[in-house]
Protein backbone atom coordinates (compact mmCIF):
# COMPACT_ATOMS: atom_id res chain seq x y z
CA UNK A 1 344.51 170.03 114.76
CA UNK A 2 344.80 166.24 115.10
CA UNK A 3 342.79 166.33 118.34
CA UNK A 4 340.04 168.34 116.62
CA UNK A 5 339.80 165.77 113.82
CA UNK A 6 339.55 162.94 116.34
CA UNK A 7 336.81 164.74 118.30
CA UNK A 8 334.83 165.43 115.10
CA UNK A 9 335.18 161.78 114.09
CA UNK A 10 333.89 160.58 117.45
CA UNK A 11 330.93 162.98 117.26
CA UNK A 12 330.16 161.78 113.73
CA UNK A 13 330.19 158.16 114.78
CA UNK A 14 328.03 158.90 117.79
CA UNK A 15 325.45 160.75 115.68
CA UNK A 16 325.56 158.04 113.02
CA UNK A 17 325.05 155.30 115.57
CA UNK A 18 322.00 157.11 116.88
CA UNK A 19 320.60 157.25 113.35
CA UNK A 20 321.14 153.56 112.76
CA UNK A 21 319.24 152.55 115.86
CA UNK A 22 316.19 154.57 114.78
CA UNK A 23 315.41 152.08 112.01
CA UNK A 24 312.42 149.98 112.99
CA UNK A 25 312.10 146.28 112.40
CA UNK A 26 309.15 145.43 110.15
CA UNK A 27 306.12 144.03 111.91
CA UNK A 28 306.28 140.27 112.08
CA UNK A 29 303.81 138.39 109.93
CA UNK A 30 302.47 136.54 112.97
CA UNK A 31 303.19 137.08 116.65
CA UNK A 32 305.62 134.50 118.00
CA UNK A 33 303.61 133.71 121.10
CA UNK A 34 300.59 132.82 118.97
CA UNK A 35 302.56 130.22 117.04
CA UNK A 36 304.44 128.27 119.76
CA UNK A 37 301.65 125.77 120.45
CA UNK A 38 300.94 125.36 116.75
CA UNK A 39 304.60 124.62 116.04
CA UNK A 40 304.84 122.12 118.90
CA UNK A 41 301.81 120.27 117.51
CA UNK A 42 303.26 120.39 113.99
CA UNK A 43 306.57 118.90 115.14
CA UNK A 44 304.78 116.09 116.96
CA UNK A 45 303.10 115.13 113.68
CA UNK A 46 306.27 115.24 111.59
CA UNK A 47 308.27 112.14 110.75
CA UNK A 48 311.97 112.07 111.59
CA UNK A 49 312.73 112.33 107.87
CA UNK A 50 310.57 115.46 107.55
CA UNK A 51 312.29 117.04 110.54
CA UNK A 52 315.73 116.36 109.09
CA UNK A 53 314.64 117.87 105.78
CA UNK A 54 313.92 121.17 107.52
CA UNK A 55 317.59 121.33 108.57
CA UNK A 56 318.74 121.39 104.95
CA UNK A 57 319.17 124.10 102.34
CA UNK A 58 320.11 122.32 99.13
CA UNK A 59 321.40 123.46 95.74
CA UNK A 60 319.84 122.39 92.45
CA UNK A 61 321.29 122.24 88.95
CA UNK A 62 318.06 122.94 87.05
CA UNK A 63 316.66 126.27 85.80
CA UNK A 64 313.16 124.84 85.39
CA UNK A 65 311.09 122.19 87.10
CA UNK A 66 311.30 118.67 85.67
CA UNK A 67 310.33 115.17 86.85
CA UNK A 68 313.82 114.42 88.18
CA UNK A 69 313.82 117.56 90.30
CA UNK A 70 310.30 116.83 91.55
CA UNK A 71 311.41 113.34 92.57
CA UNK A 72 314.48 114.71 94.35
CA UNK A 73 312.47 117.32 96.24
CA UNK A 74 309.96 114.65 97.28
CA UNK A 75 312.80 112.48 98.60
CA UNK A 76 314.55 115.20 100.61
CA UNK A 77 311.72 117.61 101.49
CA UNK A 78 314.32 120.33 102.14
CA UNK A 79 313.73 123.37 104.30
CA UNK A 80 315.20 125.60 101.62
CA UNK A 81 316.89 126.02 98.24
CA UNK A 82 319.95 128.08 97.36
CA UNK A 83 320.06 129.54 93.85
CA UNK A 84 323.16 130.25 91.77
CA UNK A 85 323.63 131.86 88.36
CA UNK A 86 323.02 128.58 86.54
CA UNK A 87 319.51 128.43 88.01
CA UNK A 88 318.66 131.95 86.88
CA UNK A 89 317.72 132.62 83.25
CA UNK A 90 315.24 135.41 82.68
CA UNK A 91 312.67 137.03 84.94
CA UNK A 92 309.60 135.05 83.87
CA UNK A 93 311.32 131.66 83.81
CA UNK A 94 313.11 132.21 87.12
CA UNK A 95 309.92 133.40 88.78
CA UNK A 96 308.17 130.27 87.50
CA UNK A 97 310.98 128.03 88.76
CA UNK A 98 310.77 129.56 92.24
CA UNK A 99 306.98 129.32 92.33
CA UNK A 100 307.19 125.68 91.21
CA UNK A 101 309.71 124.98 93.98
CA UNK A 102 307.37 126.52 96.53
CA UNK A 103 304.41 124.56 95.19
CA UNK A 104 306.34 121.32 95.74
CA UNK A 105 306.71 121.92 99.47
CA UNK A 106 304.01 121.74 102.13
CA UNK A 107 306.14 123.80 104.52
CA UNK A 108 307.22 127.24 103.24
CA UNK A 109 310.72 127.22 101.78
CA UNK A 110 313.71 129.42 102.36
CA UNK A 111 314.49 130.55 98.81
CA UNK A 112 318.01 131.88 99.18
CA UNK A 113 320.96 133.26 97.27
CA UNK A 114 324.18 135.26 97.73
CA UNK A 115 323.36 138.81 96.67
CA UNK A 116 326.06 140.69 98.53
CA UNK A 117 327.00 143.36 96.01
CA UNK A 118 330.34 143.86 94.29
CA UNK A 119 331.83 140.65 92.92
CA UNK A 120 329.26 138.41 94.60
CA UNK A 121 325.93 139.04 92.87
CA UNK A 122 324.11 135.95 91.64
CA UNK A 123 321.48 138.06 89.90
CA UNK A 124 322.26 140.94 87.55
CA UNK A 125 320.90 140.93 84.01
CA UNK A 126 318.01 138.55 83.48
CA UNK A 127 317.60 139.22 79.76
CA UNK A 128 314.07 140.55 80.14
CA UNK A 129 314.89 142.48 83.33
CA UNK A 130 318.10 144.12 84.54
CA UNK A 131 318.72 144.18 88.27
CA UNK A 132 320.48 147.17 89.81
CA UNK A 133 324.26 146.69 90.00
CA UNK A 134 325.25 146.97 93.65
CA UNK A 135 328.73 148.30 94.47
CA UNK A 136 331.09 146.43 96.77
CA UNK A 137 330.60 146.65 100.51
CA UNK A 138 334.08 148.13 100.71
CA UNK A 139 332.76 151.10 98.72
CA UNK A 140 329.77 151.45 101.02
CA UNK A 141 332.03 151.20 104.05
CA UNK A 142 334.24 154.01 102.79
CA UNK A 143 331.25 156.39 102.77
CA UNK A 144 330.20 155.82 106.38
CA UNK A 145 326.66 156.86 105.53
CA UNK A 146 324.60 154.29 107.42
CA UNK A 147 321.31 155.60 106.04
CA UNK A 148 322.67 155.01 102.53
CA UNK A 149 323.73 151.48 103.46
CA UNK A 150 320.20 150.87 104.75
CA UNK A 151 318.76 152.11 101.45
CA UNK A 152 321.12 149.86 99.49
CA UNK A 153 319.96 146.90 101.59
CA UNK A 154 316.38 147.80 100.77
CA UNK A 155 317.22 148.01 97.05
CA UNK A 156 318.72 144.51 97.17
CA UNK A 157 315.76 143.18 99.13
CA UNK A 158 313.05 144.66 96.93
CA UNK A 159 314.65 143.28 93.78
CA UNK A 160 315.12 139.82 95.29
CA UNK A 161 311.46 139.84 96.29
CA UNK A 162 310.50 140.32 92.64
CA UNK A 163 311.56 136.72 92.15
CA UNK A 164 310.21 135.47 95.46
CA UNK A 165 313.65 135.14 97.06
CA UNK A 166 313.22 135.55 100.82
CA UNK A 167 316.68 134.88 102.29
CA UNK A 168 319.91 136.64 101.36
CA UNK A 169 323.25 135.39 102.62
CA UNK A 170 324.35 138.91 103.48
CA UNK A 171 325.70 141.06 105.07
CA UNK A 172 329.33 140.04 105.15
CA UNK A 173 330.56 141.42 108.48
CA UNK A 174 334.08 140.07 108.35
CA UNK A 175 336.58 142.60 109.68
CA UNK A 176 339.54 142.68 107.31
CA UNK A 177 343.20 143.54 107.52
CA UNK A 178 345.81 144.10 104.82
CA UNK A 179 346.34 140.50 103.70
CA UNK A 180 342.99 138.69 103.51
CA UNK A 181 340.76 136.47 101.41
CA UNK A 182 337.51 138.43 101.82
CA UNK A 183 338.80 141.70 100.33
CA UNK A 184 336.21 144.17 99.04
CA UNK A 185 333.32 141.98 100.21
CA UNK A 186 333.90 143.54 103.64
CA UNK A 187 332.86 146.99 104.84
CA UNK A 188 336.38 147.54 106.15
CA UNK A 189 338.85 147.12 108.99
CA UNK A 190 337.09 149.04 111.78
CA UNK A 191 335.00 146.50 113.73
CA UNK A 192 332.53 149.09 115.05
CA UNK A 193 331.91 150.59 111.60
CA UNK A 194 331.61 147.11 110.04
CA UNK A 195 329.01 146.32 112.69
CA UNK A 196 327.01 149.50 112.02
CA UNK A 197 327.04 148.95 108.26
CA UNK A 198 326.06 145.33 108.75
CA UNK A 199 323.12 146.36 110.91
CA UNK A 200 322.08 148.95 108.33
CA UNK A 201 322.19 146.56 105.37
CA UNK A 202 320.34 143.85 107.30
CA UNK A 203 317.60 146.26 108.35
CA UNK A 204 317.20 147.40 104.75
CA UNK A 205 316.84 143.79 103.61
CA UNK A 206 314.36 143.10 106.40
CA UNK A 207 312.30 146.18 105.53
CA UNK A 208 311.88 144.72 102.05
CA UNK A 209 310.75 141.38 103.47
CA UNK A 210 314.03 139.50 103.03
CA UNK A 211 315.69 137.64 105.90
CA UNK A 212 319.39 138.44 106.29
CA UNK A 213 322.28 136.23 107.34
CA UNK A 214 325.40 137.64 109.01
CA UNK A 215 328.59 135.92 107.86
CA UNK A 216 331.24 134.45 108.37
CA UNK A 217 331.59 133.90 112.14
CA UNK A 218 334.07 133.96 113.85
CA UNK A 219 335.79 136.20 111.25
CA UNK A 220 337.03 135.22 107.82
CA UNK A 221 338.58 138.64 107.25
CA UNK A 222 341.86 137.86 108.98
CA UNK A 223 342.61 134.87 106.75
CA UNK A 224 344.52 134.73 103.49
CA UNK A 225 343.40 131.18 102.64
CA UNK A 226 340.28 130.54 100.56
CA UNK A 227 338.18 128.01 102.48
CA UNK A 228 336.76 126.73 99.18
CA UNK A 229 340.21 125.20 98.62
CA UNK A 230 341.84 124.61 102.02
CA UNK A 231 341.31 125.13 105.75
CA UNK A 232 342.31 128.63 106.89
CA UNK A 233 344.00 128.76 110.29
CA UNK A 234 343.55 131.84 112.47
CA UNK A 235 346.14 132.39 115.23
CA UNK A 236 344.09 134.93 117.21
CA UNK A 237 342.94 134.24 120.76
CA UNK A 238 339.43 134.82 122.06
CA UNK A 239 340.67 137.93 123.87
CA UNK A 240 342.04 139.32 120.60
CA UNK A 241 338.81 138.65 118.72
CA UNK A 242 336.31 139.85 121.32
CA UNK A 243 336.60 143.48 120.24
CA UNK A 244 337.53 142.82 116.61
CA UNK A 245 336.07 139.89 114.66
CA UNK A 246 333.37 139.10 117.23
CA UNK A 247 332.17 142.69 117.64
CA UNK A 248 329.83 142.98 114.59
CA UNK A 249 328.05 139.80 115.71
CA UNK A 250 327.77 141.07 119.27
CA UNK A 251 326.19 144.27 117.95
CA UNK A 252 323.73 142.34 115.79
CA UNK A 253 322.80 140.06 118.69
CA UNK A 254 322.22 143.00 121.02
CA UNK A 255 320.04 144.68 118.37
CA UNK A 256 318.08 141.43 117.95
CA UNK A 257 318.56 141.67 114.18
CA UNK A 258 320.50 138.44 113.48
CA UNK A 259 317.97 135.76 112.48
CA UNK A 260 320.77 133.68 110.96
CA UNK A 261 324.51 133.62 111.48
CA UNK A 262 326.71 131.67 109.07
CA UNK A 263 329.71 129.83 110.48
CA UNK A 264 332.86 129.79 108.37
CA UNK A 265 335.13 126.84 107.69
CA UNK A 266 338.23 128.14 109.48
CA UNK A 267 340.11 126.87 112.51
CA UNK A 268 341.19 128.80 115.59
CA UNK A 269 343.59 126.52 117.47
CA UNK A 270 344.34 129.10 120.15
CA UNK A 271 340.67 128.99 121.12
CA UNK A 272 339.69 125.36 120.45
CA UNK A 273 343.10 123.74 121.18
CA UNK A 274 342.91 121.87 117.87
CA UNK A 275 342.27 122.48 114.16
CA UNK A 276 338.55 121.74 114.22
CA UNK A 277 336.81 124.14 111.78
CA UNK A 278 334.51 126.67 113.43
CA UNK A 279 331.58 125.14 111.54
CA UNK A 280 332.11 121.88 113.46
CA UNK A 281 333.25 123.36 116.77
CA UNK A 282 331.09 123.23 119.91
CA UNK A 283 333.52 125.61 121.59
CA UNK A 284 332.98 128.34 119.01
CA UNK A 285 329.29 127.79 118.24
CA UNK A 286 327.73 126.78 121.56
CA UNK A 287 330.20 127.98 124.18
CA UNK A 288 331.13 131.32 122.62
CA UNK A 289 328.50 132.37 120.07
CA UNK A 290 325.47 131.11 121.98
CA UNK A 291 326.46 131.11 125.64
CA UNK A 292 328.95 133.98 125.86
CA UNK A 293 327.61 136.30 123.15
CA UNK A 294 323.99 135.35 123.86
CA UNK A 295 322.91 134.37 120.35
CA UNK A 296 319.53 132.61 120.22
CA UNK A 297 318.87 132.62 116.46
CA UNK A 298 319.63 130.06 113.78
CA UNK A 299 323.17 128.89 113.06
CA UNK A 300 323.91 127.81 109.50
CA UNK A 301 327.11 126.35 108.08
CA UNK A 302 328.89 127.76 105.08
CA UNK A 303 328.52 125.48 102.04
CA UNK A 304 329.48 121.95 103.05
CA UNK A 305 331.06 121.11 99.69
CA UNK A 306 334.03 123.37 100.41
CA UNK A 307 337.41 121.66 100.57
CA UNK A 308 338.25 123.18 103.95
CA UNK A 309 336.16 120.40 105.47
CA UNK A 310 335.72 117.78 102.71
CA UNK A 311 339.51 117.33 102.63
CA UNK A 312 339.52 116.40 106.31
CA UNK A 313 336.18 114.78 107.21
CA UNK A 314 333.83 112.11 105.88
CA UNK A 315 330.23 113.03 105.09
CA UNK A 316 328.66 111.33 108.12
CA UNK A 317 331.30 112.81 110.41
CA UNK A 318 330.57 116.33 109.09
CA UNK A 319 326.86 116.11 109.89
CA UNK A 320 327.46 114.58 113.31
CA UNK A 321 330.03 117.15 114.36
CA UNK A 322 328.10 120.12 112.95
CA UNK A 323 324.80 119.23 114.63
CA UNK A 324 326.45 118.42 117.96
CA UNK A 325 328.40 121.68 117.78
CA UNK A 326 325.12 123.61 117.72
CA UNK A 327 324.40 124.06 113.99
CA UNK A 328 320.73 124.30 113.02
CA UNK A 329 320.91 124.38 109.21
CA UNK A 330 323.27 122.50 106.91
CA UNK A 331 323.95 124.44 103.72
CA UNK A 332 324.45 122.33 100.59
CA UNK A 333 324.83 118.86 102.15
CA UNK A 334 327.21 116.59 100.29
CA UNK A 335 324.74 114.05 98.90
CA UNK A 336 321.07 113.20 98.65
CA UNK A 337 321.72 110.44 101.20
CA UNK A 338 321.84 113.11 103.89
CA UNK A 339 318.40 112.22 105.26
CA UNK A 340 319.34 108.55 105.78
CA UNK A 341 322.74 109.47 107.20
CA UNK A 342 321.35 111.85 109.82
CA UNK A 343 318.51 109.43 110.59
CA UNK A 344 321.13 106.76 111.33
CA UNK A 345 322.99 109.20 113.58
CA UNK A 346 319.80 109.76 115.57
CA UNK A 347 318.98 106.04 115.78
CA UNK A 348 322.58 105.34 116.83
CA UNK A 349 322.15 108.05 119.52
CA UNK A 350 325.11 109.98 118.11
CA UNK A 351 322.82 112.98 117.54
CA UNK A 352 320.02 113.70 120.00
CA UNK A 353 316.42 113.82 118.76
CA UNK A 354 315.97 116.70 121.21
CA UNK A 355 318.63 118.61 119.25
CA UNK A 356 316.78 117.93 115.98
CA UNK A 357 313.47 119.03 117.49
CA UNK A 358 314.95 122.22 118.92
CA UNK A 359 316.42 123.23 115.56
CA UNK A 360 313.18 122.45 113.73
CA UNK A 361 311.25 124.50 116.29
CA UNK A 362 313.47 127.55 115.66
CA UNK A 363 313.30 127.10 111.89
CA UNK A 364 309.51 126.83 111.82
CA UNK A 365 309.15 129.80 114.17
CA UNK A 366 311.25 131.99 111.90
CA UNK A 367 309.29 130.82 108.87
CA UNK A 368 305.95 131.50 110.53
CA UNK A 369 306.92 134.95 111.82
CA UNK A 370 309.21 136.49 109.20
CA UNK A 371 309.27 134.47 105.99
CA UNK A 372 307.76 136.26 102.99
CA UNK A 373 306.24 133.60 100.74
CA UNK A 374 304.99 135.73 97.86
CA UNK A 375 306.90 137.65 95.21
CA UNK A 376 306.45 141.39 94.74
CA UNK A 377 304.66 142.54 91.58
CA UNK A 378 307.00 144.07 89.01
CA UNK A 379 305.07 147.35 89.10
CA UNK A 380 305.86 147.82 92.80
CA UNK A 381 309.61 148.28 92.30
CA UNK A 382 310.98 151.67 91.23
CA UNK A 383 314.19 150.83 89.34
CA UNK A 384 314.87 154.49 88.60
CA UNK A 385 314.82 155.29 92.31
CA UNK A 386 317.10 152.32 92.95
CA UNK A 387 319.59 153.59 90.41
CA UNK A 388 319.53 157.07 91.96
CA UNK A 389 320.38 155.55 95.34
CA UNK A 390 323.35 153.70 93.89
CA UNK A 391 324.57 156.77 92.02
CA UNK A 392 325.10 158.49 95.35
CA UNK A 393 328.14 156.24 95.67
CA UNK A 394 329.71 157.32 92.38
């Protein structure tokens, strides 16, 4: 009887994996090959300060545009903004804020947030509009219905697009075990199933015109320490992670679905031979993620204000190590002096201008090919249908 159950399970997974790979990527807004020369010319005409700005996704405290925010945006010229609950009031005001942010940038902005589902949903009730409540990824993972996960991703994406949000820091593809910090934010403990669900959710987001970000490489799901408060230390070796924590990323890379991968603030001394956080580690980012796993997309840090790194490194040291490790985008840099600090690093030849140019090239290419600049009209979203999709999980 046990053998029969195992055989049925294998057949189910095989059929499911076939279904997942039938989803088609949306057509790109512009063909990549048509934009390479244009991007090269654009980079040539950008100042060093403008290039550095593209490497930054910053947070703001305001929920409406004001002169101070305008001045700050003019100083930094960031490549993107991350929104939290404090920035989000009601539908009309939040839409206006986002449109005002976009109007203040000559280069299209990443407008991002963390809309994972479960306990990490930055947007729920907006007063004049109620977003669909998304269940935890653990709940989705327990169903093993990859088509349903795709539909949930599309629900999240369509509702984010109502506000003009075009980048979601999801899916979480951490593989968890019994004692862990990530908990129900993960699809589960089976690396292959986590990978399939991650692919499904990302493709649903993409179908709605939202760029996804797989997180937190190399795998935050084996840690019990919260990296917001201290540096988690993972004892696993590369050999132990290759078919566990690394597997969902390998699947996403092979499917060419991972436009961004977020690097966590956790150390793996049995891989790096020291306690350098993954987010600052050339071994983990360049040697393993890029060279061994073949990732060619954008690498973004987890938020840089987290104590896992601020307790151990100075601001200038963080930027230097992250960029030299292979990071392309710095999420929530520690101060508005970031432009001057990185400019000094370049002038001091501690960070190569070629590295800056290469990251800017990848950022602009993604923006020109996949970034959705406009919001969806309210009439285009069927909230009743969205609720019916979610009720399938009840």
